[in-house]
C-alpha cells in the first residue's frame, strides 16, 4: 500500500471526490495511521499494514451503514479475517458509533471511551438535544432528525485507563477534551505529534452541507449543532493548540498538517468568541449540565426565525398541494 504524504492525501481525496463513481479511499497519514473517509465522517486505523491479528485498533465507527466499508478497508490494510485489539471512541455521537453493534459482535472486541461518555453508551441517557439554530447550514437545520441515543453496547464498553494510556496503541495518550460532548477525548502521540482530534475541532465547516460535499480544508470549530458547552470546547481547543501538532486528523474533513494548520488552529483559539461561538443559540450562554449519570438539565430551546420561515414555506407548499385542484386523467 502506498504511504502518502499529506500533500498526496489532499490530491487523492480531491481526485476521488471528482470521480463519477466516488468511493471511500483509505488514506495513510503515517506508516501506522490511516484515515477512512465515510460520507460525512472519518474513522481511523492504527497499526502497520499487514500487522498481526489483534495488533491494530479502530478509532470511531462511522454511521450505521459504514460496516461494509470499514471491514473492507480493514481487510485491505491488515488482511482477510484480521480483527483489532480494541475500538477506541473519541465520543459517542451517532456518526461515530453507527457501525459499532455489528463490528463489536463480528470482532468480539472491547470498546473504550471516557467515563463521562458511559451514560450514553450503556443505555442510561440520551445526549442533550441538538441546536438547529446555530451554524446556518443544512447539516445544522436537519440536526433534530439525527439519533441521539441512548445506545447500549453492553459488556463490550469499558472506560479508558485512568493513566492516560490508550489500549492497543503504545506511545499514545488520550486527552480529555470536553465541550462537544462531556466525555470527548483526543489521542496524541508525542514523537511525531500526530493528533487524532475527533470533533474537538474539525477541518471543514461541518454545519454546511455544501462545505461537507466540497470538503474545503479549513480549521473550524466543533460541529456547532451538537456542541453543548462552548466554554469547555474553547479550553479543549486551547489545550490541543498548545501541543503544536504536526498532523491534525479530525472526525470531519481532510487531515491537515504543518505550519499552515497550526497557524489556523492558533487563529481559531485567538478569535474564538468571534469565529467559533455562535451569536445566539441554546447552549451559547448556558451549557447543558451533565454528570456521570448523563444529562442533568438543558437550557430552553432557542427560536430561530429562519427555521420558522423554512417551516412556513414547507407548510405552505403542503397546503398548496392539498388545495390545488387535481388534474383529471
C-alpha atoms as a PDB file:
ATOM      1  CA  UNK A   1       0.000   0.000   0.000  1.00  0.00           C
ATOM      2  CA  UNK A   2       1.255   3.456  -0.888  1.00  0.00           C
ATOM      3  CA  UNK A   3       2.279   5.575   2.096  1.00  0.00           C
ATOM      4  CA  UNK A   4       1.097   9.057   1.294  1.00  0.00           C
ATOM      5  CA  UNK A   5       2.360  12.467   2.271  1.00  0.00           C
ATOM      6  CA  UNK A   6      -0.244  14.948   3.428  1.00  0.00           C
ATOM      7  CA  UNK A   7       0.012  16.643   0.023  1.00  0.00           C
ATOM      8  CA  UNK A   8      -0.800  13.317  -1.667  1.00  0.00           C
ATOM      9  CA  UNK A   9      -3.664  12.796   0.782  1.00  0.00           C
ATOM     10  CA  UNK A  10      -5.177  16.048  -0.421  1.00  0.00           C
ATOM     11  CA  UNK A  11      -4.579  15.243  -4.109  1.00  0.00           C
ATOM     12  CA  UNK A  12      -6.009  11.736  -3.881  1.00  0.00           C
ATOM     13  CA  UNK A  13      -9.041  12.810  -1.873  1.00  0.00           C
ATOM     14  CA  UNK A  14      -9.756  15.565  -4.378  1.00  0.00           C
ATOM     15  CA  UNK A  15      -9.482  13.045  -7.222  1.00  0.00           C
ATOM     16  CA  UNK A  16     -11.905  10.640  -5.549  1.00  0.00           C
ATOM     17  CA  UNK A  17     -14.302  13.500  -4.857  1.00  0.00           C
ATOM     18  CA  UNK A  18     -14.428  14.351  -8.566  1.00  0.00           C
ATOM     19  CA  UNK A  19     -14.708  10.760  -9.747  1.00  0.00           C
ATOM     20  CA  UNK A  20     -18.196   9.946 -11.117  1.00  0.00           C
ATOM     21  CA  UNK A  21     -18.247   6.693  -9.111  1.00  0.00           C
ATOM     22  CA  UNK A  22     -16.841   8.159  -5.897  1.00  0.00           C
ATOM     23  CA  UNK A  23     -15.846   5.611  -3.241  1.00  0.00           C
ATOM     24  CA  UNK A  24     -14.145   5.867   0.125  1.00  0.00           C
ATOM     25  CA  UNK A  25     -10.346   5.910  -0.165  1.00  0.00           C
ATOM     26  CA  UNK A  26      -8.056   4.701   2.612  1.00  0.00           C
ATOM     27  CA  UNK A  27      -5.514   7.469   3.175  1.00  0.00           C
ATOM     28  CA  UNK A  28      -2.238   6.805   5.003  1.00  0.00           C
ATOM     29  CA  UNK A  29      -1.164   9.811   7.061  1.00  0.00           C
ATOM     30  CA  UNK A  30       1.691   7.947   8.787  1.00  0.00           C
ATOM     31  CA  UNK A  31       3.198   4.488   8.449  1.00  0.00           C
ATOM     32  CA  UNK A  32       0.810   3.182  11.107  1.00  0.00           C
ATOM     33  CA  UNK A  33      -2.108   5.650  10.934  1.00  0.00           C
ATOM     34  CA  UNK A  34      -4.708   5.698   8.164  1.00  0.00           C
ATOM     35  CA  UNK A  35      -7.890   7.689   7.605  1.00  0.00           C
ATOM     36  CA  UNK A  36     -11.014   6.234   6.036  1.00  0.00           C
ATOM     37  CA  UNK A  37     -13.413   8.999   4.903  1.00  0.00           C
ATOM     38  CA  UNK A  38     -17.012   7.774   5.124  1.00  0.00           C
ATOM     39  CA  UNK A  39     -19.567  10.156   3.681  1.00  0.00           C
ATOM     40  CA  UNK A  40     -19.790  12.913   6.331  1.00  0.00           C
ATOM     41  CA  UNK A  41     -17.348  11.439   8.875  1.00  0.00           C
ATOM     42  CA  UNK A  42     -13.894   9.834   9.184  1.00  0.00           C
ATOM     43  CA  UNK A  43     -12.717   6.736  11.009  1.00  0.00           C
ATOM     44  CA  UNK A  44      -9.061   5.912  11.681  1.00  0.00           C
ATOM     45  CA  UNK A  45      -6.940   2.783  11.785  1.00  0.00           C
ATOM     46  CA  UNK A  46      -3.847   2.429  13.964  1.00  0.00           C
ATOM     47  CA  UNK A  47      -1.410  -0.321  13.007  1.00  0.00           C
ATOM     48  CA  UNK A  48       1.119  -1.031  10.290  1.00  0.00           C
ATOM     49  CA  UNK A  49      -0.186  -2.632   7.089  1.00  0.00           C
ATOM     50  CA  UNK A  50      -0.390  -6.422   7.281  1.00  0.00           C
ATOM     51  CA  UNK A  51       0.027  -6.295  11.059  1.00  0.00           C
ATOM     52  CA  UNK A  52      -0.687  -9.442  13.007  1.00  0.00           C
ATOM     53  CA  UNK A  53      -4.222 -10.211  14.114  1.00  0.00           C
ATOM     54  CA  UNK A  54      -5.233  -8.211  17.223  1.00  0.00           C
ATOM     55  CA  UNK A  55      -2.313  -5.789  16.815  1.00  0.00           C
ATOM     56  CA  UNK A  56      -4.283  -2.924  15.307  1.00  0.00           C
ATOM     57  CA  UNK A  57      -7.009  -0.582  16.566  1.00  0.00           C
ATOM     58  CA  UNK A  58     -10.077   1.081  15.056  1.00  0.00           C
ATOM     59  CA  UNK A  59     -10.817   4.647  16.172  1.00  0.00           C
ATOM     60  CA  UNK A  60     -14.533   5.522  15.911  1.00  0.00           C
ATOM     61  CA  UNK A  61     -17.073   3.590  13.859  1.00  0.00           C
ATOM     62  CA  UNK A  62     -18.863   5.898  11.429  1.00  0.00           C
ATOM     63  CA  UNK A  63     -22.528   5.728  10.507  1.00  0.00           C
ATOM     64  CA  UNK A  64     -24.945   2.829  10.771  1.00  0.00           C
ATOM     65  CA  UNK A  65     -24.267   1.771   7.169  1.00  0.00           C
ATOM     66  CA  UNK A  66     -20.453   2.026   7.486  1.00  0.00           C
ATOM     67  CA  UNK A  67     -19.779  -1.588   8.498  1.00  0.00           C
ATOM     68  CA  UNK A  68     -19.045  -2.868   4.995  1.00  0.00           C
ATOM     69  CA  UNK A  69     -16.649  -0.057   4.139  1.00  0.00           C
ATOM     70  CA  UNK A  70     -14.807  -0.415   7.450  1.00  0.00           C
ATOM     71  CA  UNK A  71     -14.466  -4.184   7.100  1.00  0.00           C
ATOM     72  CA  UNK A  72     -13.271  -3.840   3.507  1.00  0.00           C
ATOM     73  CA  UNK A  73     -10.668  -1.226   4.485  1.00  0.00           C
ATOM     74  CA  UNK A  74      -9.503  -3.375   7.409  1.00  0.00           C
ATOM     75  CA  UNK A  75      -9.128  -6.365   5.085  1.00  0.00           C
ATOM     76  CA  UNK A  76      -7.217  -4.234   2.567  1.00  0.00           C
ATOM     77  CA  UNK A  77      -4.841  -2.929   5.215  1.00  0.00           C
ATOM     78  CA  UNK A  78      -4.421  -5.859   7.600  1.00  0.00           C
ATOM     79  CA  UNK A  79      -5.516  -8.952   5.704  1.00  0.00           C
ATOM     80  CA  UNK A  80      -8.613 -11.105   5.413  1.00  0.00           C
ATOM     81  CA  UNK A  81     -10.179 -12.107   8.721  1.00  0.00           C
ATOM     82  CA  UNK A  82      -7.968  -9.789  10.777  1.00  0.00           C
ATOM     83  CA  UNK A  83      -9.558  -8.381  13.936  1.00  0.00           C
ATOM     84  CA  UNK A  84      -8.496  -5.381  16.049  1.00  0.00           C
ATOM     85  CA  UNK A  85      -7.317  -5.412  19.628  1.00  0.00           C
ATOM     86  CA  UNK A  86      -9.851  -2.723  20.516  1.00  0.00           C
ATOM     87  CA  UNK A  87     -12.138   0.016  19.280  1.00  0.00           C
ATOM     88  CA  UNK A  88     -11.469   3.479  20.730  1.00  0.00           C
ATOM     89  CA  UNK A  89     -14.188   6.126  20.708  1.00  0.00           C
ATOM     90  CA  UNK A  90     -13.423   9.833  20.675  1.00  0.00           C
ATOM     91  CA  UNK A  91     -17.087  10.219  21.710  1.00  0.00           C
ATOM     92  CA  UNK A  92     -20.411   8.533  21.174  1.00  0.00           C
ATOM     93  CA  UNK A  93     -22.444  10.720  18.813  1.00  0.00           C
ATOM     94  CA  UNK A  94     -24.420   8.823  16.188  1.00  0.00           C
ATOM     95  CA  UNK A  95     -21.937   9.421  13.366  1.00  0.00           C
ATOM     96  CA  UNK A  96     -19.086   7.942  15.412  1.00  0.00           C
ATOM     97  CA  UNK A  97     -20.796   4.791  16.748  1.00  0.00           C
ATOM     98  CA  UNK A  98     -23.097   3.783  13.898  1.00  0.00           C
ATOM     99  CA  UNK A  99     -21.407   0.515  12.916  1.00  0.00           C
ATOM    100  CA  UNK A 100     -20.436  -0.466  16.471  1.00  0.00           C
ATOM    101  CA  UNK A 101     -23.195  -3.024  17.148  1.00  0.00           C
ATOM    102  CA  UNK A 102     -22.252  -5.084  14.083  1.00  0.00           C
ATOM    103  CA  UNK A 103     -18.487  -4.618  14.373  1.00  0.00           C
ATOM    104  CA  UNK A 104     -18.320  -5.453  18.088  1.00  0.00           C
ATOM    105  CA  UNK A 105     -20.294  -8.651  17.523  1.00  0.00           C
ATOM    106  CA  UNK A 106     -18.310  -9.578  14.426  1.00  0.00           C
ATOM    107  CA  UNK A 107     -14.897  -8.989  16.020  1.00  0.00           C
ATOM    108  CA  UNK A 108     -15.742  -9.632  19.713  1.00  0.00           C
ATOM    109  CA  UNK A 109     -13.534  -6.738  20.855  1.00  0.00           C
ATOM    110  CA  UNK A 110     -13.714  -4.247  23.743  1.00  0.00           C
ATOM    111  CA  UNK A 111     -14.858  -0.670  23.100  1.00  0.00           C
ATOM    112  CA  UNK A 112     -13.138   2.049  25.126  1.00  0.00           C
ATOM    113  CA  UNK A 113     -14.477   5.527  25.893  1.00  0.00           C
ATOM    114  CA  UNK A 114     -14.131   8.199  28.571  1.00  0.00           C
ATOM    115  CA  UNK A 115     -16.107   7.515  31.783  1.00  0.00           C
ATOM    116  CA  UNK A 116     -18.286  10.601  31.147  1.00  0.00           C
ATOM    117  CA  UNK A 117     -19.448   9.041  27.861  1.00  0.00           C
ATOM    118  CA  UNK A 118     -20.638   5.894  29.642  1.00  0.00           C
ATOM    119  CA  UNK A 119     -24.226   7.070  30.284  1.00  0.00           C
ATOM    120  CA  UNK A 120     -24.793   7.454  26.546  1.00  0.00           C
ATOM    121  CA  UNK A 121     -23.162   4.132  25.621  1.00  0.00           C
ATOM    122  CA  UNK A 122     -24.768   1.926  28.294  1.00  0.00           C
ATOM    123  CA  UNK A 123     -28.410   2.913  27.842  1.00  0.00           C
ATOM    124  CA  UNK A 124     -28.722   5.355  30.745  1.00  0.00           C
ATOM    125  CA  UNK A 125     -29.140   8.689  28.973  1.00  0.00           C
ATOM    126  CA  UNK A 126     -29.668  10.365  25.628  1.00  0.00           C
ATOM    127  CA  UNK A 127     -27.326  13.146  24.591  1.00  0.00           C
ATOM    128  CA  UNK A 128     -28.523  16.736  25.026  1.00  0.00           C
ATOM    129  CA  UNK A 129     -30.834  17.877  22.213  1.00  0.00           C
ATOM    130  CA  UNK A 130     -29.019  19.333  19.211  1.00  0.00           C
ATOM    131  CA  UNK A 131     -29.336  23.044  18.451  1.00  0.00           C
ATOM    132  CA  UNK A 132     -30.506  23.635  14.858  1.00  0.00           C
ATOM    133  CA  UNK A 133     -30.370  27.419  15.366  1.00  0.00           C
ATOM    134  CA  UNK A 134     -26.546  27.520  15.177  1.00  0.00           C
ATOM    135  CA  UNK A 135     -24.337  27.218  12.129  1.00  0.00           C
ATOM    136  CA  UNK A 136     -26.693  28.442   9.441  1.00  0.00           C
ATOM    137  CA  UNK A 137     -26.481  25.379   7.185  1.00  0.00           C
ATOM    138  CA  UNK A 138     -28.482  22.339   6.172  1.00  0.00           C
ATOM    139  CA  UNK A 139     -26.499  19.976   8.403  1.00  0.00           C
ATOM    140  CA  UNK A 140     -27.459  22.140  11.377  1.00  0.00           C
ATOM    141  CA  UNK A 141     -31.089  22.598  10.359  1.00  0.00           C
ATOM    142  CA  UNK A 142     -31.511  18.844   9.972  1.00  0.00           C
ATOM    143  CA  UNK A 143     -29.895  18.038  13.326  1.00  0.00           C
ATOM    144  CA  UNK A 144     -33.185  17.412  15.207  1.00  0.00           C
ATOM    145  CA  UNK A 145     -33.575  14.359  12.964  1.00  0.00           C
ATOM    146  CA  UNK A 146     -30.225  12.839  13.983  1.00  0.00           C
ATOM    147  CA  UNK A 147     -30.266   9.985  16.527  1.00  0.00           C
ATOM    148  CA  UNK A 148     -29.001  10.932  19.987  1.00  0.00           C
ATOM    149  CA  UNK A 149     -29.324   7.653  21.846  1.00  0.00           C
ATOM    150  CA  UNK A 150     -29.248   6.255  24.345  1.00  0.00           C
ATOM    151  CA  UNK A 151     -27.094   3.496  22.918  1.00  0.00           C
ATOM    152  CA  UNK A 152     -26.288   0.325  24.784  1.00  0.00           C
ATOM    153  CA  UNK A 153     -23.180  -1.620  23.827  1.00  0.00           C
ATOM    154  CA  UNK A 154     -23.452  -3.909  26.815  1.00  0.00           C
ATOM    155  CA  UNK A 155     -20.401  -5.794  28.027  1.00  0.00           C
ATOM    156  CA  UNK A 156     -18.240  -4.512  25.175  1.00  0.00           C
ATOM    157  CA  UNK A 157     -17.979  -0.979  26.579  1.00  0.00           C
ATOM    158  CA  UNK A 158     -15.174  -0.150  29.025  1.00  0.00           C
ATOM    159  CA  UNK A 159     -13.677   3.055  30.459  1.00  0.00           C
ATOM    160  CA  UNK A 160     -10.333   4.262  29.174  1.00  0.00           C
ATOM    161  CA  UNK A 161      -7.445   3.673  31.613  1.00  0.00           C
ATOM    162  CA  UNK A 162      -7.028   6.396  34.222  1.00  0.00           C
ATOM    163  CA  UNK A 163      -3.305   6.692  33.480  1.00  0.00           C
ATOM    164  CA  UNK A 164      -3.979   8.233  30.058  1.00  0.00           C
ATOM    165  CA  UNK A 165      -2.709   5.271  28.051  1.00  0.00           C
ATOM    166  CA  UNK A 166      -4.655   4.041  25.043  1.00  0.00           C
ATOM    167  CA  UNK A 167      -5.337   0.285  24.866  1.00  0.00           C
ATOM    168  CA  UNK A 168      -3.661  -1.281  21.869  1.00  0.00           C
ATOM    169  CA  UNK A 169      -1.854   1.940  20.948  1.00  0.00           C
ATOM    170  CA  UNK A 170       1.551   2.058  22.683  1.00  0.00           C
ATOM    171  CA  UNK A 171       3.118   5.506  22.704  1.00  0.00           C
ATOM    172  CA  UNK A 172      -0.231   7.309  22.521  1.00  0.00           C
ATOM    173  CA  UNK A 173      -2.137   9.082  25.271  1.00  0.00           C
ATOM    174  CA  UNK A 174      -5.724  10.193  25.489  1.00  0.00           C
ATOM    175  CA  UNK A 175      -6.596  13.763  26.444  1.00  0.00           C
ATOM    176  CA  UNK A 176      -9.972  14.747  27.862  1.00  0.00           C
ATOM    177  CA  UNK A 177     -11.305  17.432  25.503  1.00  0.00           C
ATOM    178  CA  UNK A 178     -14.911  18.115  26.571  1.00  0.00           C
ATOM    179  CA  UNK A 179     -17.294  20.641  25.074  1.00  0.00           C
ATOM    180  CA  UNK A 180     -18.629  18.887  22.009  1.00  0.00           C
ATOM    181  CA  UNK A 181     -19.579  16.101  24.398  1.00  0.00           C
ATOM    182  CA  UNK A 182     -18.887  15.672  28.098  1.00  0.00           C
ATOM    183  CA  UNK A 183     -16.521  12.733  27.670  1.00  0.00           C
ATOM    184  CA  UNK A 184     -14.923  13.665  24.369  1.00  0.00           C
ATOM    185  CA  UNK A 185     -11.268  12.616  24.072  1.00  0.00           C
ATOM    186  CA  UNK A 186      -8.468  13.284  21.598  1.00  0.00           C
ATOM    187  CA  UNK A 187      -5.480  10.998  21.005  1.00  0.00           C
ATOM    188  CA  UNK A 188      -1.891  12.277  20.752  1.00  0.00           C
ATOM    189  CA  UNK A 189       1.495  10.735  20.021  1.00  0.00           C
ATOM    190  CA  UNK A 190       4.366  12.927  21.182  1.00  0.00           C
ATOM    191  CA  UNK A 191       7.328  11.790  18.996  1.00  0.00           C
ATOM    192  CA  UNK A 192       5.713  12.699  15.656  1.00  0.00           C
ATOM    193  CA  UNK A 193       3.000  14.945  17.164  1.00  0.00           C
ATOM    194  CA  UNK A 194       0.093  13.250  15.390  1.00  0.00           C
ATOM    195  CA  UNK A 195      -3.231  14.348  16.848  1.00  0.00           C
ATOM    196  CA  UNK A 196      -6.471  12.442  16.334  1.00  0.00           C
ATOM    197  CA  UNK A 197      -8.775  15.221  17.458  1.00  0.00           C
ATOM    198  CA  UNK A 198     -12.224  13.696  16.975  1.00  0.00           C
ATOM    199  CA  UNK A 199     -14.688  16.589  16.880  1.00  0.00           C
ATOM    200  CA  UNK A 200     -12.852  18.854  19.348  1.00  0.00           C
ATOM    201  CA  UNK A 201     -12.207  20.846  16.182  1.00  0.00           C
ATOM    202  CA  UNK A 202     -12.619  19.807  12.548  1.00  0.00           C
ATOM    203  CA  UNK A 203     -11.101  20.654   9.172  1.00  0.00           C
ATOM    204  CA  UNK A 204     -14.242  21.725   7.352  1.00  0.00           C
ATOM    205  CA  UNK A 205     -17.320  23.769   8.180  1.00  0.00           C
ATOM    206  CA  UNK A 206     -19.496  20.883   9.294  1.00  0.00           C
ATOM    207  CA  UNK A 207     -22.752  22.828   9.616  1.00  0.00           C
ATOM    208  CA  UNK A 208     -22.896  23.440   5.848  1.00  0.00           C
ATOM    209  CA  UNK A 209     -23.931  20.587   3.558  1.00  0.00           C
ATOM    210  CA  UNK A 210     -22.117  22.287   0.660  1.00  0.00           C
ATOM    211  CA  UNK A 211     -18.889  22.534   2.664  1.00  0.00           C
ATOM    212  CA  UNK A 212     -19.220  18.863   3.595  1.00  0.00           C
ATOM    213  CA  UNK A 213     -19.657  17.890  -0.071  1.00  0.00           C
ATOM    214  CA  UNK A 214     -16.792  20.071  -1.341  1.00  0.00           C
ATOM    215  CA  UNK A 215     -14.503  19.237   1.629  1.00  0.00           C
ATOM    216  CA  UNK A 216     -12.740  22.589   1.557  1.00  0.00           C
ATOM    217  CA  UNK A 217      -9.935  22.376   4.112  1.00  0.00           C
ATOM    218  CA  UNK A 218     -10.024  24.842   6.973  1.00  0.00           C
ATOM    219  CA  UNK A 219      -9.607  24.544  10.718  1.00  0.00           C
ATOM    220  CA  UNK A 220     -13.068  25.062  12.150  1.00  0.00           C
ATOM    221  CA  UNK A 221     -14.932  24.854  15.452  1.00  0.00           C
ATOM    222  CA  UNK A 222     -16.529  21.599  16.595  1.00  0.00           C
ATOM    223  CA  UNK A 223     -19.831  20.885  14.826  1.00  0.00           C
ATOM    224  CA  UNK A 224     -21.930  23.608  16.403  1.00  0.00           C
ATOM    225  CA  UNK A 225     -25.309  21.892  16.436  1.00  0.00           C
ATOM    226  CA  UNK A 226     -24.034  19.165  18.798  1.00  0.00           C
ATOM    227  CA  UNK A 227     -21.744  21.306  20.978  1.00  0.00           C
ATOM    228  CA  UNK A 228     -23.420  21.678  24.359  1.00  0.00           C
ATOM    229  CA  UNK A 229     -20.708  23.568  26.300  1.00  0.00           C
ATOM    230  CA  UNK A 230     -18.887  26.313  24.403  1.00  0.00           C
ATOM    231  CA  UNK A 231     -16.573  27.372  27.225  1.00  0.00           C
ATOM    232  CA  UNK A 232     -15.366  23.799  27.726  1.00  0.00           C
ATOM    233  CA  UNK A 233     -14.921  23.500  23.952  1.00  0.00           C
ATOM    234  CA  UNK A 234     -12.714  26.618  23.946  1.00  0.00           C
ATOM    235  CA  UNK A 235     -10.478  25.265  26.700  1.00  0.00           C
ATOM    236  CA  UNK A 236     -10.156  21.959  24.855  1.00  0.00           C
ATOM    237  CA  UNK A 237      -9.080  23.617  21.599  1.00  0.00           C
ATOM    238  CA  UNK A 238      -6.606  25.768  23.519  1.00  0.00           C
ATOM    239  CA  UNK A 239      -5.089  22.651  25.097  1.00  0.00           C
ATOM    240  CA  UNK A 240      -4.757  20.926  21.722  1.00  0.00           C
ATOM    241  CA  UNK A 241      -3.216  24.010  20.133  1.00  0.00           C
ATOM    242  CA  UNK A 242      -0.563  24.091  22.860  1.00  0.00           C
ATOM    243  CA  UNK A 243       0.530  20.615  21.775  1.00  0.00           C
ATOM    244  CA  UNK A 244       1.737  22.134  18.471  1.00  0.00           C
ATOM    245  CA  UNK A 245       0.576  19.108  16.466  1.00  0.00           C
ATOM    246  CA  UNK A 246       2.238  18.242  13.180  1.00  0.00           C
ATOM    247  CA  UNK A 247      -0.841  16.433  11.851  1.00  0.00           C
ATOM    248  CA  UNK A 248      -4.469  17.144  12.750  1.00  0.00           C
ATOM    249  CA  UNK A 249      -6.634  14.135  11.922  1.00  0.00           C
ATOM    250  CA  UNK A 250     -10.207  15.111  12.741  1.00  0.00           C
ATOM    251  CA  UNK A 251     -13.594  13.443  12.741  1.00  0.00           C
ATOM    252  CA  UNK A 252     -14.774  15.534   9.790  1.00  0.00           C
ATOM    253  CA  UNK A 253     -12.726  16.902   6.908  1.00  0.00           C
ATOM    254  CA  UNK A 254      -9.438  16.034   5.223  1.00  0.00           C
ATOM    255  CA  UNK A 255      -6.476  15.747   7.647  1.00  0.00           C
ATOM    256  CA  UNK A 256      -4.199  18.782   7.700  1.00  0.00           C
ATOM    257  CA  UNK A 257      -0.557  19.197   8.647  1.00  0.00           C
ATOM    258  CA  UNK A 258       2.328  21.568   9.198  1.00  0.00           C
ATOM    259  CA  UNK A 259       2.612  25.235   9.945  1.00  0.00           C
ATOM    260  CA  UNK A 260      -0.444  26.333   7.924  1.00  0.00           C
ATOM    261  CA  UNK A 261      -2.597  24.006  10.049  1.00  0.00           C
ATOM    262  CA  UNK A 262      -1.040  25.216  13.316  1.00  0.00           C
ATOM    263  CA  UNK A 263      -1.482  28.835  12.281  1.00  0.00           C
ATOM    264  CA  UNK A 264      -5.183  28.303  11.572  1.00  0.00           C
ATOM    265  CA  UNK A 265      -5.582  26.457  14.861  1.00  0.00           C
ATOM    266  CA  UNK A 266      -3.957  29.338  16.738  1.00  0.00           C
ATOM    267  CA  UNK A 267      -6.223  31.795  14.924  1.00  0.00           C
ATOM    268  CA  UNK A 268      -9.259  29.758  15.948  1.00  0.00           C
ATOM    269  CA  UNK A 269      -8.150  29.973  19.587  1.00  0.00           C
ATOM    270  CA  UNK A 270      -7.313  33.679  19.379  1.00  0.00           C
ATOM    271  CA  UNK A 271     -10.617  34.612  17.714  1.00  0.00           C
ATOM    272  CA  UNK A 272     -12.793  32.014  19.432  1.00  0.00           C
ATOM    273  CA  UNK A 273     -15.580  34.330  20.565  1.00  0.00           C
ATOM    274  CA  UNK A 274     -15.799  35.904  17.126  1.00  0.00           C
ATOM    275  CA  UNK A 275     -15.439  32.963  14.749  1.00  0.00           C
ATOM    276  CA  UNK A 276     -16.414  29.910  16.804  1.00  0.00           C
ATOM    277  CA  UNK A 277     -19.144  30.794  19.292  1.00  0.00           C
ATOM    278  CA  UNK A 278     -22.477  31.406  17.535  1.00  0.00           C
ATOM    279  CA  UNK A 279     -24.109  34.810  18.142  1.00  0.00           C
ATOM    280  CA  UNK A 280     -27.139  33.055  19.608  1.00  0.00           C
ATOM    281  CA  UNK A 281     -28.103  29.515  20.431  1.00  0.00           C
ATOM    282  CA  UNK A 282     -29.433  27.134  23.023  1.00  0.00           C
ATOM    283  CA  UNK A 283     -26.060  26.489  24.693  1.00  0.00           C
ATOM    284  CA  UNK A 284     -24.250  29.757  23.921  1.00  0.00           C
ATOM    285  CA  UNK A 285     -24.909  31.462  27.257  1.00  0.00           C
ATOM    286  CA  UNK A 286     -25.736  28.415  29.360  1.00  0.00           C
ATOM    287  CA  UNK A 287     -24.272  24.928  28.827  1.00  0.00           C
ATOM    288  CA  UNK A 288     -26.052  21.659  29.267  1.00  0.00           C
ATOM    289  CA  UNK A 289     -25.324  20.202  32.706  1.00  0.00           C
ATOM    290  CA  UNK A 290     -24.105  16.603  32.620  1.00  0.00           C
ATOM    291  CA  UNK A 291     -22.596  14.226  35.151  1.00  0.00           C
ATOM    292  CA  UNK A 292     -21.573  10.585  35.400  1.00  0.00           C
ATOM    293  CA  UNK A 293     -25.223   9.514  35.087  1.00  0.00           C
ATOM    294  CA  UNK A 294     -25.954  11.584  31.971  1.00  0.00           C
ATOM    295  CA  UNK A 295     -27.846  14.781  31.259  1.00  0.00           C
ATOM    296  CA  UNK A 296     -28.959  16.690  34.355  1.00  0.00           C
ATOM    297  CA  UNK A 297     -30.501  19.739  32.711  1.00  0.00           C
ATOM    298  CA  UNK A 298     -30.522  21.693  29.458  1.00  0.00           C
ATOM    299  CA  UNK A 299     -31.411  25.320  28.778  1.00  0.00           C
ATOM    300  CA  UNK A 300     -34.610  26.048  26.837  1.00  0.00           C
ATOM    301  CA  UNK A 301     -34.583  25.828  23.067  1.00  0.00           C
ATOM    302  CA  UNK A 302     -33.926  29.000  21.080  1.00  0.00           C
ATOM    303  CA  UNK A 303     -36.479  30.033  18.484  1.00  0.00           C
ATOM    304  CA  UNK A 304     -34.721  30.778  15.197  1.00  0.00           C
ATOM    305  CA  UNK A 305     -36.748  32.973  12.795  1.00  0.00           C
ATOM    306  CA  UNK A 306     -35.027  31.315   9.818  1.00  0.00           C
ATOM    307  CA  UNK A 307     -36.244  27.889  10.886  1.00  0.00           C
ATOM    308  CA  UNK A 308     -39.750  29.267  11.359  1.00  0.00           C
ATOM    309  CA  UNK A 309     -39.593  30.736   7.858  1.00  0.00           C
ATOM    310  CA  UNK A 310     -38.410  27.428   6.403  1.00  0.00           C
ATOM    311  CA  UNK A 311     -41.164  25.584   8.231  1.00  0.00           C
ATOM    312  CA  UNK A 312     -43.656  28.141   6.904  1.00  0.00           C
ATOM    313  CA  UNK A 313     -42.513  27.545   3.348  1.00  0.00           C
ATOM    314  CA  UNK A 314     -42.833  23.810   3.842  1.00  0.00           C
ATOM    315  CA  UNK A 315     -46.322  24.080   5.325  1.00  0.00           C
ATOM    316  CA  UNK A 316     -47.412  26.453   2.539  1.00  0.00           C
ATOM    317  CA  UNK A 317     -46.167  24.027  -0.079  1.00  0.00           C
ATOM    318  CA  UNK A 318     -48.002  21.156   1.620  1.00  0.00           C
ATOM    319  CA  UNK A 319     -51.244  23.093   1.959  1.00  0.00           C
ATOM    320  CA  UNK A 320     -50.952  24.323  -1.613  1.00  0.00           C
ATOM    321  CA  UNK A 321     -50.506  20.788  -2.827  1.00  0.00           C
ATOM    322  CA  UNK A 322     -53.594  19.678  -0.940  1.00  0.00           C
ATOM    323  CA  UNK A 323     -55.791  22.563  -2.056  1.00  0.00           C
ATOM    324  CA  UNK A 324     -54.844  22.814  -5.717  1.00  0.00           C
ATOM    325  CA  UNK A 325     -57.392  21.084  -7.940  1.00  0.00           C
ATOM    326  CA  UNK A 326     -56.252  17.672  -9.025  1.00  0.00           C
ATOM    327  CA  UNK A 327     -55.642  17.188 -12.750  1.00  0.00           C
ATOM    328  CA  UNK A 328     -58.075  14.652 -14.118  1.00  0.00           C
ATOM    329  CA  UNK A 329     -56.646  11.752 -16.053  1.00  0.00           C
END
